[in-house]
N, C-alpha and C. Protein backbone atom coordinates (compact mmCIF):
# COMPACT_ATOMS: atom_id res chain seq x y z
N MET A 1 -5.44 -20.88 16.19
CA MET A 1 -5.33 -20.25 14.89
C MET A 1 -4.20 -20.89 14.09
N VAL A 2 -3.06 -21.12 14.75
CA VAL A 2 -1.92 -21.72 14.08
C VAL A 2 -2.26 -23.15 13.64
N GLU A 3 -2.97 -23.87 14.50
CA GLU A 3 -3.36 -25.23 14.17
C GLU A 3 -4.26 -25.25 12.94
N ARG A 4 -5.20 -24.33 12.87
CA ARG A 4 -6.11 -24.26 11.72
C ARG A 4 -5.34 -23.93 10.44
N ALA A 5 -4.36 -23.03 10.56
CA ALA A 5 -3.55 -22.68 9.39
C ALA A 5 -2.76 -23.90 8.93
N GLY A 6 -2.19 -24.63 9.87
CA GLY A 6 -1.43 -25.83 9.53
C GLY A 6 -2.30 -26.88 8.86
N LEU A 7 -3.50 -27.07 9.37
CA LEU A 7 -4.42 -28.03 8.76
C LEU A 7 -4.85 -27.58 7.36
N GLY A 8 -5.04 -26.28 7.21
CA GLY A 8 -5.38 -25.75 5.89
C GLY A 8 -4.25 -25.98 4.89
N LEU A 9 -3.02 -25.79 5.33
CA LEU A 9 -1.88 -26.04 4.45
C LEU A 9 -1.79 -27.51 4.06
N GLN A 10 -2.11 -28.39 5.01
CA GLN A 10 -2.10 -29.82 4.71
C GLN A 10 -3.17 -30.16 3.67
N ARG A 11 -4.32 -29.52 3.76
CA ARG A 11 -5.37 -29.76 2.76
C ARG A 11 -4.95 -29.26 1.38
N ILE A 12 -4.26 -28.14 1.36
CA ILE A 12 -3.76 -27.61 0.08
C ILE A 12 -2.76 -28.59 -0.52
N LEU A 13 -1.88 -29.11 0.31
CA LEU A 13 -0.90 -30.07 -0.18
C LEU A 13 -1.59 -31.33 -0.69
N LYS A 14 -2.61 -31.78 0.03
CA LYS A 14 -3.36 -32.95 -0.42
C LYS A 14 -4.00 -32.67 -1.77
N HIS A 15 -4.51 -31.46 -1.95
CA HIS A 15 -5.11 -31.09 -3.23
C HIS A 15 -4.05 -31.10 -4.35
N GLU A 16 -2.85 -30.65 -4.02
CA GLU A 16 -1.77 -30.65 -5.02
C GLU A 16 -1.48 -32.06 -5.50
N TYR A 17 -1.44 -32.99 -4.58
CA TYR A 17 -1.16 -34.38 -4.95
C TYR A 17 -2.40 -35.08 -5.49
N GLY A 18 -3.56 -34.68 -4.97
CA GLY A 18 -4.79 -35.30 -5.43
C GLY A 18 -4.75 -36.80 -5.23
N ASP A 19 -5.59 -37.47 -5.91
CA ASP A 19 -5.59 -38.92 -5.88
C ASP A 19 -4.76 -39.37 -7.07
N ILE A 20 -3.51 -39.67 -6.81
CA ILE A 20 -2.61 -40.01 -7.91
C ILE A 20 -3.07 -41.26 -8.64
N TYR A 21 -3.95 -42.00 -8.02
CA TYR A 21 -4.43 -43.21 -8.66
C TYR A 21 -5.57 -42.92 -9.65
N GLU A 22 -6.13 -41.71 -9.59
CA GLU A 22 -7.10 -41.29 -10.61
C GLU A 22 -6.45 -41.28 -11.98
N ALA A 23 -5.18 -41.00 -11.99
CA ALA A 23 -4.46 -40.88 -13.25
C ALA A 23 -4.40 -42.21 -14.00
N ALA A 24 -4.63 -43.30 -13.30
CA ALA A 24 -4.60 -44.61 -13.96
C ALA A 24 -5.59 -44.66 -15.11
N ARG A 25 -6.65 -43.90 -15.00
CA ARG A 25 -7.64 -43.86 -16.08
C ARG A 25 -7.05 -43.32 -17.38
N SER A 26 -6.08 -42.43 -17.23
CA SER A 26 -5.45 -41.87 -18.43
C SER A 26 -4.24 -42.68 -18.88
N GLY A 27 -3.98 -43.78 -18.19
CA GLY A 27 -2.86 -44.65 -18.58
C GLY A 27 -1.57 -44.37 -17.84
N VAL A 28 -1.54 -43.35 -16.99
CA VAL A 28 -0.33 -43.02 -16.24
C VAL A 28 -0.51 -43.57 -14.83
N THR A 29 0.38 -44.46 -14.40
CA THR A 29 0.22 -45.07 -13.08
C THR A 29 1.37 -44.74 -12.14
N ASP A 30 2.47 -44.22 -12.65
CA ASP A 30 3.61 -43.88 -11.82
C ASP A 30 3.36 -42.55 -11.10
N PRO A 31 3.37 -42.54 -9.74
CA PRO A 31 3.09 -41.31 -9.00
C PRO A 31 4.02 -40.15 -9.35
N VAL A 32 5.29 -40.45 -9.60
CA VAL A 32 6.24 -39.38 -9.94
C VAL A 32 5.86 -38.74 -11.27
N THR A 33 5.48 -39.55 -12.23
CA THR A 33 5.06 -39.03 -13.54
C THR A 33 3.80 -38.18 -13.41
N VAL A 34 2.87 -38.64 -12.59
CA VAL A 34 1.64 -37.88 -12.36
C VAL A 34 1.97 -36.52 -11.76
N MET A 35 2.87 -36.49 -10.77
CA MET A 35 3.22 -35.22 -10.14
C MET A 35 3.98 -34.30 -11.09
N LYS A 36 4.76 -34.86 -11.98
CA LYS A 36 5.45 -34.01 -12.96
C LYS A 36 4.45 -33.28 -13.83
N LEU A 37 3.29 -33.92 -14.06
CA LEU A 37 2.24 -33.28 -14.83
C LEU A 37 1.44 -32.29 -13.99
N ARG A 38 1.14 -32.67 -12.75
CA ARG A 38 0.30 -31.83 -11.89
C ARG A 38 1.04 -30.65 -11.30
N ASN A 39 2.22 -30.91 -10.73
CA ASN A 39 3.00 -29.86 -10.11
C ASN A 39 4.47 -30.26 -10.11
N PRO A 40 5.21 -29.85 -11.12
CA PRO A 40 6.61 -30.26 -11.24
C PRO A 40 7.47 -29.90 -10.02
N ALA A 41 7.13 -28.82 -9.34
CA ALA A 41 7.92 -28.40 -8.19
C ALA A 41 7.85 -29.39 -7.04
N LEU A 42 6.78 -30.18 -6.97
CA LEU A 42 6.63 -31.17 -5.90
C LEU A 42 6.93 -32.59 -6.35
N SER A 43 7.26 -32.78 -7.60
CA SER A 43 7.42 -34.13 -8.14
C SER A 43 8.57 -34.90 -7.53
N LYS A 44 9.51 -34.22 -6.90
CA LYS A 44 10.64 -34.92 -6.30
C LYS A 44 10.30 -35.55 -4.95
N TYR A 45 9.09 -35.29 -4.43
CA TYR A 45 8.69 -35.82 -3.12
C TYR A 45 7.49 -36.74 -3.25
N MET A 46 7.53 -37.83 -2.53
CA MET A 46 6.35 -38.67 -2.37
C MET A 46 5.43 -37.94 -1.39
N PRO A 47 4.13 -38.21 -1.39
CA PRO A 47 3.20 -37.46 -0.53
C PRO A 47 3.59 -37.43 0.94
N TYR A 48 4.00 -38.56 1.50
CA TYR A 48 4.37 -38.59 2.92
C TYR A 48 5.56 -37.68 3.19
N ASP A 49 6.57 -37.73 2.32
CA ASP A 49 7.76 -36.89 2.49
C ASP A 49 7.41 -35.41 2.38
N ALA A 50 6.54 -35.08 1.44
CA ALA A 50 6.13 -33.68 1.26
C ALA A 50 5.38 -33.19 2.50
N LEU A 51 4.54 -34.05 3.08
CA LEU A 51 3.80 -33.67 4.28
C LEU A 51 4.75 -33.42 5.45
N GLN A 52 5.74 -34.28 5.62
CA GLN A 52 6.71 -34.09 6.69
C GLN A 52 7.51 -32.80 6.49
N ARG A 53 7.90 -32.54 5.26
CA ARG A 53 8.64 -31.30 4.97
C ARG A 53 7.75 -30.07 5.22
N LEU A 54 6.49 -30.16 4.82
CA LEU A 54 5.56 -29.05 5.04
C LEU A 54 5.45 -28.75 6.53
N ARG A 55 5.28 -29.77 7.34
CA ARG A 55 5.16 -29.56 8.79
C ARG A 55 6.41 -28.91 9.36
N GLN A 56 7.58 -29.41 8.97
CA GLN A 56 8.83 -28.84 9.48
C GLN A 56 9.02 -27.40 8.99
N GLN A 57 8.72 -27.15 7.74
CA GLN A 57 8.89 -25.81 7.19
C GLN A 57 7.90 -24.82 7.81
N PHE A 58 6.70 -25.26 8.11
CA PHE A 58 5.72 -24.38 8.75
C PHE A 58 6.19 -24.02 10.16
N LYS A 59 6.76 -24.98 10.89
CA LYS A 59 7.31 -24.69 12.22
C LYS A 59 8.45 -23.68 12.11
N SER A 60 9.31 -23.87 11.12
CA SER A 60 10.42 -22.93 10.92
C SER A 60 9.91 -21.54 10.59
N TYR A 61 8.86 -21.48 9.79
CA TYR A 61 8.26 -20.19 9.43
C TYR A 61 7.70 -19.49 10.67
N LEU A 62 6.99 -20.25 11.50
CA LEU A 62 6.40 -19.67 12.72
C LEU A 62 7.47 -19.16 13.67
N ASN A 63 8.62 -19.82 13.68
CA ASN A 63 9.73 -19.42 14.56
C ASN A 63 10.68 -18.44 13.90
N ALA A 64 10.35 -17.99 12.70
CA ALA A 64 11.16 -17.04 11.93
C ALA A 64 12.61 -17.52 11.78
N GLU A 65 12.75 -18.82 11.50
CA GLU A 65 14.08 -19.39 11.28
C GLU A 65 14.47 -19.23 9.82
N ASP A 66 15.74 -19.40 9.55
CA ASP A 66 16.25 -19.31 8.19
C ASP A 66 15.59 -20.38 7.33
N PRO A 67 15.14 -20.09 6.18
CA PRO A 67 15.25 -18.90 5.35
C PRO A 67 14.09 -17.92 5.50
N PHE A 68 13.21 -18.18 6.46
CA PHE A 68 12.01 -17.35 6.61
C PHE A 68 12.27 -16.04 7.37
N ASN A 69 13.50 -15.81 7.77
CA ASN A 69 13.82 -14.58 8.49
C ASN A 69 14.38 -13.50 7.55
N CYS A 70 14.35 -13.76 6.25
CA CYS A 70 14.81 -12.77 5.27
C CYS A 70 13.69 -11.76 5.01
N LYS A 71 14.08 -10.50 4.94
CA LYS A 71 13.09 -9.45 4.70
C LYS A 71 12.83 -9.28 3.20
N LEU A 72 11.68 -8.70 2.92
CA LEU A 72 11.35 -8.35 1.53
C LEU A 72 12.33 -7.29 1.04
N ARG A 73 12.71 -7.41 -0.21
CA ARG A 73 13.54 -6.37 -0.82
C ARG A 73 12.63 -5.24 -1.27
N SER A 74 13.23 -4.09 -1.51
CA SER A 74 12.41 -2.98 -2.00
C SER A 74 11.78 -3.36 -3.34
N LYS A 75 10.54 -3.01 -3.50
CA LYS A 75 9.75 -3.29 -4.70
C LYS A 75 9.50 -4.79 -4.92
N GLN A 76 9.70 -5.61 -3.90
CA GLN A 76 9.42 -7.04 -4.02
C GLN A 76 8.08 -7.32 -3.36
N SER A 77 7.19 -7.97 -4.09
CA SER A 77 5.89 -8.31 -3.51
C SER A 77 6.03 -9.55 -2.65
N THR A 78 5.02 -9.80 -1.84
CA THR A 78 5.03 -10.99 -1.00
C THR A 78 5.05 -12.25 -1.86
N LEU A 79 4.30 -12.24 -2.94
CA LEU A 79 4.28 -13.39 -3.84
C LEU A 79 5.66 -13.64 -4.46
N GLN A 80 6.35 -12.58 -4.82
CA GLN A 80 7.71 -12.72 -5.36
C GLN A 80 8.66 -13.27 -4.30
N TRP A 81 8.49 -12.84 -3.05
CA TRP A 81 9.32 -13.33 -1.95
C TRP A 81 9.15 -14.84 -1.80
N TRP A 82 7.87 -15.29 -1.82
CA TRP A 82 7.62 -16.73 -1.71
C TRP A 82 8.17 -17.47 -2.91
N ALA A 83 8.09 -16.88 -4.09
CA ALA A 83 8.61 -17.52 -5.30
C ALA A 83 10.11 -17.76 -5.20
N THR A 84 10.83 -16.84 -4.58
CA THR A 84 12.28 -17.04 -4.41
C THR A 84 12.57 -18.19 -3.46
N LEU A 85 11.65 -18.48 -2.56
CA LEU A 85 11.87 -19.56 -1.60
C LEU A 85 11.59 -20.95 -2.19
N GLU A 86 10.97 -21.00 -3.36
CA GLU A 86 10.70 -22.30 -4.00
C GLU A 86 11.96 -23.09 -4.26
N SER A 87 13.05 -22.42 -4.50
CA SER A 87 14.31 -23.11 -4.81
C SER A 87 15.12 -23.45 -3.56
N ASP A 88 14.65 -23.05 -2.40
CA ASP A 88 15.35 -23.33 -1.15
C ASP A 88 14.83 -24.64 -0.58
N GLU A 89 15.72 -25.60 -0.35
CA GLU A 89 15.29 -26.91 0.12
C GLU A 89 14.66 -26.87 1.51
N PHE A 90 14.86 -25.79 2.25
CA PHE A 90 14.27 -25.67 3.58
C PHE A 90 12.96 -24.90 3.57
N ALA A 91 12.48 -24.52 2.38
CA ALA A 91 11.24 -23.76 2.28
C ALA A 91 10.38 -24.15 1.09
N ASP A 92 10.85 -25.06 0.26
CA ASP A 92 10.22 -25.32 -1.03
C ASP A 92 8.77 -25.80 -0.95
N VAL A 93 8.46 -26.76 -0.09
CA VAL A 93 7.10 -27.30 -0.05
C VAL A 93 6.11 -26.25 0.47
N LEU A 94 6.49 -25.53 1.50
CA LEU A 94 5.63 -24.48 2.04
C LEU A 94 5.42 -23.38 1.00
N ALA A 95 6.48 -22.98 0.32
CA ALA A 95 6.37 -21.92 -0.69
C ALA A 95 5.45 -22.34 -1.83
N VAL A 96 5.61 -23.57 -2.30
CA VAL A 96 4.76 -24.06 -3.39
C VAL A 96 3.30 -24.13 -2.93
N SER A 97 3.08 -24.60 -1.71
CA SER A 97 1.72 -24.73 -1.18
C SER A 97 1.05 -23.36 -1.07
N LEU A 98 1.77 -22.38 -0.57
CA LEU A 98 1.19 -21.05 -0.43
C LEU A 98 0.94 -20.39 -1.79
N GLN A 99 1.80 -20.65 -2.73
CA GLN A 99 1.57 -20.09 -4.06
C GLN A 99 0.39 -20.77 -4.74
N SER A 100 0.09 -21.98 -4.35
CA SER A 100 -1.07 -22.68 -4.89
C SER A 100 -2.36 -21.97 -4.51
N ILE A 101 -2.37 -21.35 -3.35
CA ILE A 101 -3.56 -20.59 -2.92
C ILE A 101 -3.82 -19.49 -3.95
N GLU A 102 -2.80 -18.79 -4.32
CA GLU A 102 -2.96 -17.70 -5.27
C GLU A 102 -3.38 -18.24 -6.62
N TYR A 103 -2.84 -19.37 -7.02
CA TYR A 103 -3.15 -19.94 -8.33
C TYR A 103 -4.58 -20.45 -8.40
N TYR A 104 -5.02 -21.17 -7.37
CA TYR A 104 -6.33 -21.80 -7.41
C TYR A 104 -7.48 -20.90 -6.98
N TYR A 105 -7.20 -19.91 -6.15
CA TYR A 105 -8.29 -19.16 -5.55
C TYR A 105 -8.39 -17.72 -6.01
N TYR A 106 -7.46 -17.25 -6.80
CA TYR A 106 -7.52 -15.85 -7.24
C TYR A 106 -7.53 -15.75 -8.73
């Protein structure tokens, strides 16, 4: 089950980056510029780096390591909890990927 969840998260991340070379049709060829347009929160990472961070952050989440061991505050939704983790360098890629599920599928 955990393996399937991890693979699903990797597919979501791949979707976030898409084929950055498709953008060449619109005249934009720099991957960083493409990501600033597609998802500014991930634009600071190249795809390989984002994948490595996602894997490490997912392991940390499964082991309830910091920052994933913080509890929800009163009146805080799960989505709001994940949104606060976007700014944490140890949770940012996972948080953005999970929020993408809500954005694309709901």
